[in-house]
N, C-alpha and C. Protein backbone atom coordinates (compact mmCIF):
# COMPACT_ATOMS: atom_id res chain seq x y z
N MET A 1 47.57 -39.52 34.53
CA MET A 1 46.44 -39.04 34.99
C MET A 1 45.84 -40.12 35.55
N SER A 2 45.56 -41.00 36.50
CA SER A 2 44.83 -42.17 37.10
C SER A 2 43.45 -41.87 37.16
N GLY A 3 42.45 -42.93 36.47
CA GLY A 3 41.33 -42.73 36.51
C GLY A 3 40.58 -41.78 35.82
N VAL A 4 41.18 -41.18 34.74
CA VAL A 4 40.84 -40.02 33.95
C VAL A 4 40.71 -40.52 32.73
N THR A 5 39.48 -40.75 31.84
CA THR A 5 39.27 -41.27 30.77
C THR A 5 39.48 -39.97 29.62
N GLN A 6 39.86 -39.84 28.77
CA GLN A 6 39.78 -38.64 27.94
C GLN A 6 39.46 -39.12 26.47
N ILE A 7 38.47 -38.33 26.14
CA ILE A 7 37.69 -38.82 25.23
C ILE A 7 37.83 -37.54 23.72
N ARG A 8 38.16 -38.30 22.68
CA ARG A 8 38.06 -37.22 21.62
C ARG A 8 36.87 -36.73 20.37
N LEU A 9 36.43 -36.39 20.51
CA LEU A 9 35.26 -35.49 19.56
C LEU A 9 35.29 -35.17 18.89
N THR A 10 35.14 -35.55 17.64
CA THR A 10 35.59 -35.05 16.07
C THR A 10 33.97 -34.67 15.60
N VAL A 11 33.59 -33.59 15.21
CA VAL A 11 32.80 -33.00 14.51
C VAL A 11 32.68 -32.65 13.07
N SER A 12 31.85 -33.19 12.26
CA SER A 12 31.98 -32.71 10.70
C SER A 12 31.76 -31.18 10.65
N ASP A 13 31.86 -30.24 9.56
CA ASP A 13 31.74 -28.78 9.30
C ASP A 13 29.95 -28.85 9.20
N GLU A 14 29.44 -29.78 8.73
CA GLU A 14 28.22 -30.21 8.64
C GLU A 14 27.35 -29.92 10.27
N GLU A 15 28.07 -31.00 10.80
CA GLU A 15 27.65 -31.18 12.17
C GLU A 15 27.44 -30.08 13.19
N ALA A 16 28.67 -29.40 12.72
CA ALA A 16 29.10 -28.20 13.81
C ALA A 16 27.85 -27.21 13.46
N ASP A 17 27.59 -26.91 11.96
CA ASP A 17 26.95 -25.98 11.46
C ASP A 17 25.24 -26.37 12.30
N GLU A 18 24.94 -27.67 12.12
CA GLU A 18 23.61 -28.06 12.70
C GLU A 18 23.68 -27.51 14.17
N MET A 19 24.97 -28.07 14.67
CA MET A 19 24.47 -27.50 15.97
C MET A 19 24.54 -26.30 16.41
N ALA A 20 24.88 -25.37 15.78
CA ALA A 20 25.08 -23.61 16.04
C ALA A 20 23.74 -23.25 15.82
N GLN A 21 23.32 -22.39 16.90
CA GLN A 21 22.03 -21.54 16.71
C GLN A 21 22.19 -20.56 16.21
N ARG A 22 21.33 -20.61 15.30
CA ARG A 22 21.13 -19.60 14.32
C ARG A 22 19.99 -18.44 14.47
N VAL A 23 20.72 -16.75 14.69
CA VAL A 23 19.73 -16.01 14.87
C VAL A 23 19.47 -14.90 14.04
N TYR A 24 18.25 -14.62 13.73
CA TYR A 24 17.65 -13.44 12.87
C TYR A 24 17.33 -12.17 13.30
N LYS A 25 17.63 -11.36 12.96
CA LYS A 25 16.97 -10.15 13.90
C LYS A 25 16.59 -9.32 12.69
N THR A 26 15.31 -8.56 12.94
CA THR A 26 14.65 -7.79 12.12
C THR A 26 14.18 -6.85 12.57
N LEU A 27 14.57 -5.45 12.46
CA LEU A 27 14.16 -4.31 13.29
C LEU A 27 12.63 -4.15 12.39
N LEU A 28 11.91 -4.05 13.20
CA LEU A 28 10.73 -3.34 12.86
C LEU A 28 10.10 -1.96 12.50
N LYS A 29 9.71 -1.88 11.41
CA LYS A 29 9.36 -0.37 11.13
C LYS A 29 8.31 0.22 12.00
N PRO A 30 8.52 1.65 12.03
CA PRO A 30 8.39 2.52 13.25
C PRO A 30 6.93 2.36 12.83
N ALA A 31 6.13 2.62 11.48
CA ALA A 31 4.80 2.79 11.39
C ALA A 31 4.14 1.12 11.52
N PRO A 32 3.04 1.23 13.08
CA PRO A 32 2.01 0.02 13.20
C PRO A 32 1.62 -1.04 12.32
N ASP A 33 1.21 -0.31 11.03
CA ASP A 33 0.72 -0.92 10.38
C ASP A 33 1.69 -2.20 9.32
N ASP A 34 3.01 -1.33 8.75
CA ASP A 34 4.00 -1.94 8.25
C ASP A 34 5.03 -2.90 9.35
N ALA A 35 4.91 -2.78 10.67
CA ALA A 35 5.42 -3.71 11.76
C ALA A 35 4.53 -4.88 11.37
N ARG A 36 3.53 -4.66 11.87
CA ARG A 36 2.23 -6.12 11.76
C ARG A 36 2.55 -6.65 10.44
N ALA A 37 2.89 -5.90 9.32
CA ALA A 37 2.67 -7.35 7.84
C ALA A 37 4.27 -7.14 8.12
N GLN A 38 5.29 -6.93 8.68
CA GLN A 38 6.73 -7.62 8.49
C GLN A 38 6.67 -8.88 9.87
N LEU A 39 5.81 -8.57 11.02
CA LEU A 39 5.56 -9.82 11.93
C LEU A 39 5.13 -10.99 11.26
N GLU A 40 4.03 -10.20 10.30
CA GLU A 40 3.22 -11.78 9.88
C GLU A 40 3.87 -12.62 8.50
N GLU A 41 4.92 -11.68 7.94
CA GLU A 41 5.65 -12.54 6.79
C GLU A 41 6.85 -13.23 7.64
N LEU A 42 7.61 -12.48 8.73
CA LEU A 42 8.38 -13.52 9.55
C LEU A 42 7.51 -14.62 10.23
N ALA A 43 6.36 -14.55 10.86
CA ALA A 43 5.79 -15.57 11.45
C ALA A 43 5.16 -16.62 10.16
N LEU A 44 5.43 -16.29 9.18
CA LEU A 44 4.77 -17.62 8.09
C LEU A 44 5.84 -18.48 7.71
N ARG A 45 7.08 -17.96 7.93
CA ARG A 45 8.23 -18.71 8.23
C ARG A 45 8.03 -20.41 9.07
N HIS A 46 7.39 -20.21 10.10
CA HIS A 46 7.51 -20.94 11.19
C HIS A 46 6.27 -21.87 10.87
N GLN A 47 6.63 -23.37 11.66
CA GLN A 47 5.33 -24.51 11.70
C GLN A 47 4.10 -23.95 11.88
N PRO A 48 3.53 -24.34 11.83
CA PRO A 48 1.84 -24.23 12.44
C PRO A 48 1.40 -23.78 13.72
N GLY A 49 2.07 -24.90 14.41
CA GLY A 49 2.04 -24.57 15.84
C GLY A 49 2.86 -23.29 16.61
N GLU A 50 4.39 -22.79 15.89
CA GLU A 50 4.97 -21.81 15.90
C GLU A 50 4.21 -20.70 16.17
N TYR A 51 3.53 -21.23 14.82
CA TYR A 51 2.78 -19.80 14.32
C TYR A 51 1.76 -19.42 15.39
N ALA A 52 1.17 -20.13 15.87
CA ALA A 52 -0.04 -20.09 16.17
C ALA A 52 0.15 -19.25 17.61
N ALA A 53 1.11 -20.14 18.37
CA ALA A 53 1.55 -19.40 19.83
C ALA A 53 2.20 -18.45 19.53
N GLY A 54 2.66 -17.71 18.72
CA GLY A 54 3.31 -16.60 18.67
C GLY A 54 2.33 -15.37 18.22
N GLU A 55 0.79 -15.57 18.26
CA GLU A 55 0.10 -14.81 17.80
C GLU A 55 -0.04 -13.55 19.05
N ARG A 56 0.25 -13.78 20.19
CA ARG A 56 -0.05 -12.99 21.03
C ARG A 56 1.62 -12.09 21.34
N LEU A 57 2.58 -12.67 20.95
CA LEU A 57 3.62 -11.98 21.39
C LEU A 57 3.72 -11.19 19.99
N ARG A 58 3.38 -11.21 18.56
CA ARG A 58 3.03 -10.64 17.62
C ARG A 58 2.18 -9.17 17.95
N ALA A 59 1.18 -9.20 18.88
CA ALA A 59 0.24 -8.44 19.31
C ALA A 59 1.11 -7.72 19.82
N VAL A 60 1.80 -8.29 21.18
CA VAL A 60 2.89 -7.36 21.70
C VAL A 60 3.65 -6.61 21.21
N ALA A 61 4.18 -6.82 19.98
CA ALA A 61 5.22 -6.16 19.27
C ALA A 61 4.57 -4.95 18.64
N ALA A 62 3.40 -5.48 18.12
CA ALA A 62 2.92 -4.36 17.22
C ALA A 62 2.55 -3.27 18.08
N GLU A 63 1.74 -3.35 19.73
CA GLU A 63 1.44 -2.68 20.76
C GLU A 63 2.95 -1.85 20.92
N LEU A 64 3.67 -2.54 21.22
CA LEU A 64 5.03 -1.82 21.58
C LEU A 64 5.64 -0.80 20.18
N VAL A 65 5.21 -0.91 19.11
CA VAL A 65 5.59 0.27 18.21
C VAL A 65 4.44 0.88 18.02
N ARG A 66 3.40 0.52 18.14
CA ARG A 66 2.56 1.92 18.32
C ARG A 66 2.58 2.75 19.41
N ARG A 67 3.80 2.37 20.29
CA ARG A 67 3.59 3.14 21.56
C ARG A 67 5.15 3.97 21.21
N GLY A 68 5.59 3.63 20.11
CA GLY A 68 6.69 4.26 19.66
C GLY A 68 7.83 3.60 20.17
N LEU A 69 8.26 2.74 20.24
CA LEU A 69 9.06 1.88 20.82
C LEU A 69 9.82 1.64 19.75
N GLU A 70 11.17 1.02 20.16
CA GLU A 70 11.94 0.52 18.80
C GLU A 70 12.03 -1.21 19.30
N VAL A 71 11.40 -1.91 17.81
CA VAL A 71 11.00 -3.07 18.72
C VAL A 71 12.31 -3.98 17.24
N THR A 72 12.70 -4.93 17.95
CA THR A 72 13.41 -5.95 16.89
C THR A 72 12.97 -7.66 17.29
N ALA A 73 12.58 -8.06 16.38
CA ALA A 73 12.08 -9.37 16.36
C ALA A 73 13.55 -10.28 16.00
N VAL A 74 13.74 -11.02 16.86
CA VAL A 74 14.69 -12.19 16.97
C VAL A 74 14.18 -13.40 16.74
N ASP A 75 14.42 -13.77 15.57
CA ASP A 75 13.90 -15.49 15.01
C ASP A 75 15.26 -16.36 15.42
N TYR A 76 14.95 -17.49 15.91
CA TYR A 76 15.58 -18.68 16.24
C TYR A 76 15.60 -19.88 14.96
N ARG A 77 16.77 -20.88 15.00
CA ARG A 77 16.28 -21.41 13.96
C ARG A 77 15.46 -22.58 14.45
N ASP A 78 15.13 -22.67 15.95
CA ASP A 78 14.41 -24.09 16.07
C ASP A 78 12.89 -23.20 16.21
N GLY A 79 12.76 -22.23 15.42
CA GLY A 79 11.34 -21.58 15.63
C GLY A 79 10.65 -20.70 16.21
N SER A 80 11.71 -20.48 17.43
CA SER A 80 11.22 -19.65 18.78
C SER A 80 11.62 -18.20 18.19
N GLN A 81 10.72 -17.45 18.75
CA GLN A 81 11.06 -15.84 18.73
C GLN A 81 10.80 -15.35 19.61
N GLU A 82 11.65 -14.29 19.88
CA GLU A 82 11.58 -13.25 20.92
C GLU A 82 11.46 -11.84 20.54
N LEU A 83 11.28 -10.91 21.43
CA LEU A 83 11.69 -9.44 21.13
C LEU A 83 12.69 -8.52 22.03
N GLU A 84 13.42 -7.85 21.14
CA GLU A 84 14.14 -6.73 22.10
C GLU A 84 13.68 -5.27 21.50
N VAL A 85 13.22 -4.79 22.84
CA VAL A 85 12.76 -3.51 22.75
C VAL A 85 13.62 -2.31 23.36
N VAL A 86 13.19 -1.22 22.90
CA VAL A 86 14.70 -0.18 23.52
C VAL A 86 13.90 1.04 23.09
N LEU A 87 14.14 1.83 24.11
CA LEU A 87 13.47 3.56 24.31
C LEU A 87 14.48 4.07 23.29
N SER A 88 14.35 4.35 22.31
CA SER A 88 15.61 5.17 21.25
C SER A 88 16.23 6.47 22.05
N PRO A 89 15.58 7.40 22.46
CA PRO A 89 16.33 8.36 23.47
C PRO A 89 17.29 7.63 24.30
N ALA A 90 16.91 6.44 24.80
CA ALA A 90 17.88 6.29 26.30
C ALA A 90 18.22 4.71 25.89
N ARG A 91 18.76 4.43 24.49
CA ARG A 91 19.41 3.27 24.39
C ARG A 91 20.42 2.88 25.42
N GLN A 92 20.60 3.72 26.12
CA GLN A 92 21.84 2.92 27.11
C GLN A 92 21.36 2.30 27.88
N ALA A 93 19.97 2.44 28.35
CA ALA A 93 19.56 1.82 29.37
C ALA A 93 19.76 0.16 29.06
N GLY A 94 19.60 -0.31 27.93
CA GLY A 94 19.63 -1.56 27.24
C GLY A 94 18.28 -1.70 26.99
N PRO A 95 18.56 -3.15 26.00
CA PRO A 95 17.02 -3.76 26.07
C PRO A 95 16.16 -4.53 26.70
N VAL A 96 15.10 -4.32 26.78
CA VAL A 96 13.96 -5.35 27.73
C VAL A 96 13.88 -6.31 26.52
N THR A 97 14.05 -7.48 26.85
CA THR A 97 13.80 -8.65 26.02
C THR A 97 12.25 -9.40 26.93
N VAL A 98 11.67 -9.77 25.41
CA VAL A 98 10.26 -10.15 25.80
C VAL A 98 9.92 -11.63 25.09
N ASP A 99 9.99 -12.50 25.83
CA ASP A 99 9.77 -13.76 25.34
C ASP A 99 8.66 -14.47 25.80
N ARG A 100 8.09 -15.71 24.81
CA ARG A 100 6.89 -16.07 25.26
C ARG A 100 7.22 -17.58 25.84
N ASP A 101 6.08 -17.94 26.35
CA ASP A 101 5.99 -19.50 26.84
C ASP A 101 5.65 -20.51 25.64
N GLY A 102 5.41 -21.71 25.66
CA GLY A 102 5.38 -22.76 24.60
C GLY A 102 4.21 -22.45 24.35
N THR A 103 3.27 -22.00 24.98
CA THR A 103 1.72 -21.87 24.37
C THR A 103 1.46 -20.78 23.36
N GLY A 104 2.22 -19.42 24.05
CA GLY A 104 2.00 -18.36 23.75
C GLY A 104 0.74 -17.53 24.33
N GLN A 105 0.88 -18.22 25.60
CA GLN A 105 -0.35 -17.14 26.36
C GLN A 105 0.36 -16.69 27.71
N GLY A 106 1.62 -16.69 27.82
CA GLY A 106 2.41 -15.84 28.87
C GLY A 106 3.66 -15.94 27.95
N CYS A 107 4.32 -14.19 28.72
CA CYS A 107 5.59 -13.86 28.06
C CYS A 107 6.28 -13.52 29.57
N GLN A 108 7.55 -13.43 28.93
CA GLN A 108 8.75 -13.42 30.11
C GLN A 108 9.06 -11.89 29.79
N LEU A 109 9.15 -10.84 30.54
CA LEU A 109 10.16 -9.88 30.55
C LEU A 109 11.24 -9.64 31.52
N SER A 110 12.74 -9.32 30.48
CA SER A 110 13.69 -9.71 31.13
C SER A 110 14.42 -8.50 30.97
N TRP A 111 15.08 -7.46 31.84
CA TRP A 111 16.03 -6.38 31.85
C TRP A 111 17.32 -6.38 32.54
N GLU A 112 18.15 -6.09 31.98
CA GLU A 112 19.45 -6.74 32.50
C GLU A 112 20.37 -4.82 32.76
N GLU A 113 20.55 -4.72 34.10
CA GLU A 113 21.46 -3.68 34.28
C GLU A 113 22.64 -3.47 35.32
N TRP A 114 23.99 -3.58 35.11
CA TRP A 114 24.54 -3.49 35.81
C TRP A 114 25.11 -2.00 36.50
N VAL A 115 24.67 -1.59 37.83
CA VAL A 115 24.95 -0.35 38.62
C VAL A 115 26.12 -0.80 39.60
N ASP A 116 27.29 0.64 39.31
CA ASP A 116 28.17 0.45 39.82
C ASP A 116 27.64 0.94 41.48
N VAL A 117 28.15 0.16 42.40
CA VAL A 117 27.51 0.47 43.95
C VAL A 117 28.80 0.50 45.30
N ALA A 118 29.90 1.11 44.21
CA ALA A 118 31.27 1.45 45.29
C ALA A 118 31.06 2.50 45.81
N ASP A 119 30.23 3.40 45.99
CA ASP A 119 29.66 4.58 46.85
C ASP A 119 28.87 4.63 46.91
N GLU A 120 28.28 5.81 47.62
CA GLU A 120 26.73 5.75 48.54
C GLU A 120 25.83 6.16 47.18
N ALA A 121 26.22 7.04 46.09
CA ALA A 121 25.45 7.42 45.19
C ALA A 121 25.36 6.48 44.06
N GLY A 122 25.82 5.18 44.12
CA GLY A 122 25.59 3.85 43.56
C GLY A 122 25.09 3.09 44.18
N VAL A 123 24.81 3.49 45.51
CA VAL A 123 23.88 2.38 46.16
C VAL A 123 22.55 2.96 46.13
N TRP A 124 22.11 4.13 46.11
CA TRP A 124 21.05 5.08 45.86
C TRP A 124 20.33 4.97 44.37
N ARG A 125 21.32 4.89 43.55
CA ARG A 125 20.84 5.12 42.16
C ARG A 125 20.58 3.25 42.02
N ALA A 126 20.99 2.52 42.50
CA ALA A 126 20.74 0.82 42.55
C ALA A 126 19.03 0.99 43.07
N ALA A 127 19.10 1.34 44.46
CA ALA A 127 17.78 1.38 45.08
C ALA A 127 16.75 1.89 43.98
N ASP A 128 16.89 3.20 44.02
CA ASP A 128 15.89 3.96 43.06
C ASP A 128 15.51 3.56 42.07
N MET A 129 16.45 2.55 41.13
CA MET A 129 16.06 1.99 39.58
C MET A 129 14.87 0.86 40.34
N VAL A 130 15.29 -0.31 41.42
CA VAL A 130 14.38 -1.37 41.68
C VAL A 130 13.17 -0.89 42.24
N ASP A 131 13.27 0.46 43.03
CA ASP A 131 12.04 0.69 43.57
C ASP A 131 11.04 1.33 42.23
N ALA A 132 12.09 2.04 41.31
CA ALA A 132 10.82 2.53 40.37
C ALA A 132 10.19 1.60 39.34
N VAL A 133 11.36 0.38 39.20
CA VAL A 133 10.17 -0.60 38.22
C VAL A 133 9.41 -1.38 39.00
N LEU A 134 9.83 -1.71 40.56
CA LEU A 134 8.65 -2.40 41.23
C LEU A 134 7.32 -1.50 41.64
N ARG A 135 7.40 -0.56 41.82
CA ARG A 135 6.44 0.69 41.99
C ARG A 135 5.50 0.88 40.60
N GLY A 136 6.37 0.92 39.56
CA GLY A 136 5.84 1.20 38.14
C GLY A 136 4.89 0.21 37.57
N VAL A 137 5.52 -1.17 38.12
CA VAL A 137 4.52 -2.47 37.90
C VAL A 137 3.60 -2.36 38.56
N ALA A 138 3.50 -2.64 39.95
CA ALA A 138 2.24 -2.71 40.80
C ALA A 138 1.50 -1.46 40.62
N GLY A 139 1.50 -0.05 39.98
CA GLY A 139 0.70 0.65 39.37
C GLY A 139 0.27 1.62 40.87
N PRO A 140 -0.58 2.60 40.57
CA PRO A 140 -1.15 3.19 41.77
C PRO A 140 -1.22 2.52 42.78
N ALA A 141 -1.14 3.34 43.98
CA ALA A 141 -1.39 2.58 45.52
C ALA A 141 -3.02 2.89 45.78
N ARG A 142 -3.44 1.89 46.41
CA ARG A 142 -4.70 2.04 46.35
C ARG A 142 -5.17 2.27 47.62
């Protein structure tokens, strides 16, 4: 193969371990006060800047627990944290992920759902879901 340079990269086990992203998941307890205590304990493991930036995300987590949702705190080795939230009776709907920006003043909500649109019923289901989400976020019409 002319013009192609092959490079062999050798990585030690220690380096490979360093490159791997470790993820730690903690299911929060359903009692709001217990969940807040768990969140505080987890947050104290972070650097001061990450601790401060995560304050509002911890408030969101506590509110979600108070509303009866199942919340899992996901901690990454780099100090970042996000939430995975499910409605226990509708676990098949999948989790909503709540992530925060670097300052902790904004958060991003993500939900993925695959819908089979091979027939008209699937098309209607997909349209109904998108419509329900957007109208729910928009709130009542004025």
